[in-house]
Amino acid sequence: MSAECHISSLVVHSRPDRVQSILESLRSIEGAEVHGGMESGKLIVTLETDTESEVVERINAIQLLDGVLAATLVFHHFEPVQERE
């Protein structure tokens, strides 16, 4: 089986009073980065993972964070990783 690279983006709707704790929790999730939306509580998040199942696991983990109202997948792309010689 060849290695893959999965890139996903999400919009994470959160309670405005919980944004800071959600940001801290997202920093602990491997491959997750926040790119904006802190002021409105609608966080723009990207995930970089090795498998599709890891995408699903991380989205589920985000949805279970205290203060998260919804985590919606907006984009998902994957391709094989080319081996370097």
Protein backbone atom coordinates (compact mmCIF):
# COMPACT_ATOMS: atom_id res chain seq x y z
CA MET A 1 0.00 0.00 0.00
CA SER A 2 1.41 3.38 -0.95
CA ALA A 3 1.52 6.32 1.43
CA GLU A 4 -1.04 9.08 1.02
CA CYS A 5 -1.33 12.72 2.03
CA HIS A 6 -4.80 14.00 3.02
CA ILE A 7 -5.56 17.72 3.23
CA SER A 8 -8.93 18.75 4.68
CA SER A 9 -10.50 22.03 5.71
CA LEU A 10 -13.25 22.58 8.23
CA VAL A 11 -15.39 25.34 9.63
CA VAL A 12 -15.71 24.87 13.37
CA HIS A 13 -18.63 26.79 14.87
CA SER A 14 -18.04 27.46 18.55
CA ARG A 15 -19.51 29.31 21.47
CA PRO A 16 -17.80 32.71 21.57
CA ASP A 17 -16.99 32.35 25.27
CA ARG A 18 -15.16 29.04 24.64
CA VAL A 19 -12.98 30.07 21.66
CA GLN A 20 -9.73 30.32 23.64
CA SER A 21 -10.06 26.88 25.24
CA ILE A 22 -11.02 25.38 21.87
CA LEU A 23 -7.93 26.96 20.28
CA GLU A 24 -5.75 25.41 22.98
CA SER A 25 -7.34 22.01 22.39
CA LEU A 26 -6.91 22.28 18.61
CA ARG A 27 -3.19 22.97 19.08
CA SER A 28 -2.88 19.55 20.71
CA ILE A 29 -4.45 17.73 17.74
CA GLU A 30 -1.73 16.48 15.40
CA GLY A 31 -1.92 18.03 11.94
CA ALA A 32 -4.53 20.67 12.88
CA GLU A 33 -3.97 24.38 12.19
CA VAL A 34 -6.31 27.33 12.77
CA HIS A 35 -6.25 30.01 10.06
CA GLY A 36 -8.83 32.53 11.28
CA GLY A 37 -12.30 33.17 12.58
CA MET A 38 -11.34 33.64 16.22
CA GLU A 39 -13.31 36.89 16.51
CA SER A 40 -16.58 35.38 15.27
CA GLY A 41 -16.25 31.90 16.76
CA LYS A 42 -16.31 30.35 13.26
CA LEU A 43 -12.83 28.87 13.12
CA ILE A 44 -11.19 27.97 9.83
CA VAL A 45 -9.19 24.79 10.44
CA THR A 46 -7.03 22.62 8.19
CA LEU A 47 -6.01 19.04 8.85
CA GLU A 48 -3.07 17.19 7.33
CA THR A 49 -3.23 13.42 7.83
CA ASP A 50 -1.88 10.18 6.38
CA THR A 51 -5.22 8.36 6.02
CA GLU A 52 -8.90 9.06 5.51
CA SER A 53 -9.72 7.37 8.81
CA GLU A 54 -7.46 9.88 10.61
CA VAL A 55 -9.49 12.71 9.04
CA VAL A 56 -12.68 11.20 10.46
CA GLU A 57 -11.09 10.57 13.88
CA ARG A 58 -9.86 14.16 14.15
CA ILE A 59 -13.19 15.65 13.05
CA ASN A 60 -14.95 13.51 15.67
CA ALA A 61 -12.46 14.66 18.33
CA ILE A 62 -13.05 18.30 17.37
CA GLN A 63 -16.84 17.87 17.49
CA LEU A 64 -16.55 16.53 21.05
CA LEU A 65 -14.61 19.56 22.37
CA ASP A 66 -16.49 21.55 25.00
CA GLY A 67 -18.02 24.61 23.33
CA VAL A 68 -17.95 23.28 19.76
CA LEU A 69 -21.40 23.52 18.18
CA ALA A 70 -20.46 21.92 14.85
CA ALA A 71 -17.42 20.95 12.80
CA THR A 72 -18.22 20.91 9.10
CA LEU A 73 -15.96 19.40 6.45
CA VAL A 74 -15.62 21.89 3.59
CA PHE A 75 -12.83 20.37 1.49
CA HIS A 76 -10.92 17.10 1.29
CA HIS A 77 -8.11 16.20 -1.11
CA PHE A 78 -5.71 13.29 -1.13
CA GLU A 79 -2.95 12.00 -3.34
CA PRO A 80 -0.19 9.42 -3.16
CA VAL A 81 3.08 10.50 -1.64
CA GLN A 82 5.93 10.06 -4.09
CA GLU A 83 8.91 8.18 -2.74
CA ARG A 84 12.20 10.08 -3.02
CA GLU A 85 15.14 8.28 -4.50
